[in-house]
Amino acid sequence: MTDYPTTPCGSCKKPVIWTVTANGKRLPVDATPTSDGTVALTAAGNQVRSRVVEVKFRFGRRDLHKAHFSSCPQANTWRRR
């Protein structure tokens, strides 16, 4: 499934990988890559870094993940306003 550490989502209990974006924000992503994923992961020391891949570079990639906010049924309860 993944080489990155996972934790269960606080709502739906699906496995997520906690990442850090280029802006230093924490972003949960689904543990399993998907064909319609948009997020690339890299290991950086003891952190997992994430970045959104431009559309023109996504074709045919099978290593991209989805932000968990787009797949979690209870995502709105966790969003900061």
Protein backbone atom coordinates (compact mmCIF):
# COMPACT_ATOMS: atom_id res chain seq x y z
CA MET A 1 0.00 0.00 0.00
CA THR A 2 2.45 2.70 1.16
CA ASP A 3 5.91 3.11 2.61
CA TYR A 4 4.85 6.17 4.59
CA PRO A 5 3.43 6.01 8.13
CA THR A 6 -0.34 6.11 8.31
CA THR A 7 -2.91 6.95 10.95
CA PRO A 8 -6.67 6.42 10.85
CA CYS A 9 -8.81 9.44 10.01
CA GLY A 10 -10.52 10.82 13.11
CA SER A 11 -13.92 10.51 11.40
CA CYS A 12 -14.08 7.82 8.74
CA LYS A 13 -11.15 5.71 10.08
CA LYS A 14 -9.57 5.24 6.63
CA PRO A 15 -5.75 5.33 6.66
CA VAL A 16 -4.23 8.74 5.95
CA ILE A 17 -0.69 10.02 5.61
CA TRP A 18 -0.02 13.33 7.33
CA THR A 19 2.15 15.52 5.12
CA VAL A 20 3.61 19.01 5.18
CA THR A 21 3.12 21.32 2.18
CA ALA A 22 5.66 23.78 0.79
CA ASN A 23 3.85 26.47 2.82
CA GLY A 24 4.40 24.50 6.03
CA LYS A 25 0.75 23.49 6.42
CA ARG A 26 -0.28 19.99 7.45
CA LEU A 27 -2.28 18.09 4.82
CA PRO A 28 -3.84 14.65 5.24
CA VAL A 29 -3.75 12.53 2.07
CA ASP A 30 -5.27 9.14 1.33
CA ALA A 31 -2.76 6.36 1.92
CA THR A 32 -3.49 4.58 -1.35
CA PRO A 33 -2.46 6.24 -4.63
CA THR A 34 -5.22 6.61 -7.23
CA SER A 35 -5.38 7.20 -10.96
CA ASP A 36 -7.07 10.58 -10.33
CA GLY A 37 -4.66 11.68 -7.61
CA THR A 38 -3.13 15.15 -7.63
CA VAL A 39 -0.59 15.07 -4.77
CA ALA A 40 2.99 13.77 -4.97
CA LEU A 41 4.77 12.66 -1.79
CA THR A 42 8.45 12.68 -0.88
CA ALA A 43 10.29 11.78 2.30
CA ALA A 44 12.25 14.60 3.91
CA GLY A 45 13.96 13.42 7.07
CA ASN A 46 11.21 12.40 9.47
CA GLN A 47 8.54 14.33 7.53
CA VAL A 48 6.50 13.46 4.47
CA ARG A 49 6.33 16.43 2.09
CA SER A 50 3.46 16.95 -0.35
CA ARG A 51 3.02 19.03 -3.47
CA VAL A 52 0.23 19.34 -6.00
CA VAL A 53 1.34 18.15 -9.44
CA GLU A 54 0.35 20.33 -12.39
CA VAL A 55 -2.32 18.81 -14.65
CA LYS A 56 0.03 18.49 -17.63
CA PHE A 57 2.36 16.26 -15.57
CA ARG A 58 -0.29 13.92 -14.09
CA PHE A 59 -1.07 11.78 -17.16
CA GLY A 60 -0.22 8.11 -16.65
CA ARG A 61 1.12 8.51 -13.12
CA ARG A 62 0.05 5.91 -10.61
CA ASP A 63 1.92 7.27 -7.61
CA LEU A 64 -0.27 10.30 -6.91
CA HIS A 65 -2.54 10.54 -3.89
CA LYS A 66 -5.74 12.48 -3.21
CA ALA A 67 -6.08 15.03 -0.43
CA HIS A 68 -8.21 13.32 2.21
CA PHE A 69 -10.48 16.38 2.37
CA SER A 70 -11.77 15.42 -1.07
CA SER A 71 -12.67 11.84 -0.12
CA CYS A 72 -13.66 11.94 3.58
CA PRO A 73 -17.43 11.99 4.12
CA GLN A 74 -16.99 14.14 7.25
CA ALA A 75 -14.35 16.53 5.87
CA ASN A 76 -16.38 19.64 6.65
CA THR A 77 -16.25 18.94 10.38
CA TRP A 78 -12.44 19.22 10.29
CA ARG A 79 -12.00 22.25 8.00
CA ARG A 80 -10.81 25.47 9.57
CA ARG A 81 -12.86 28.48 8.63
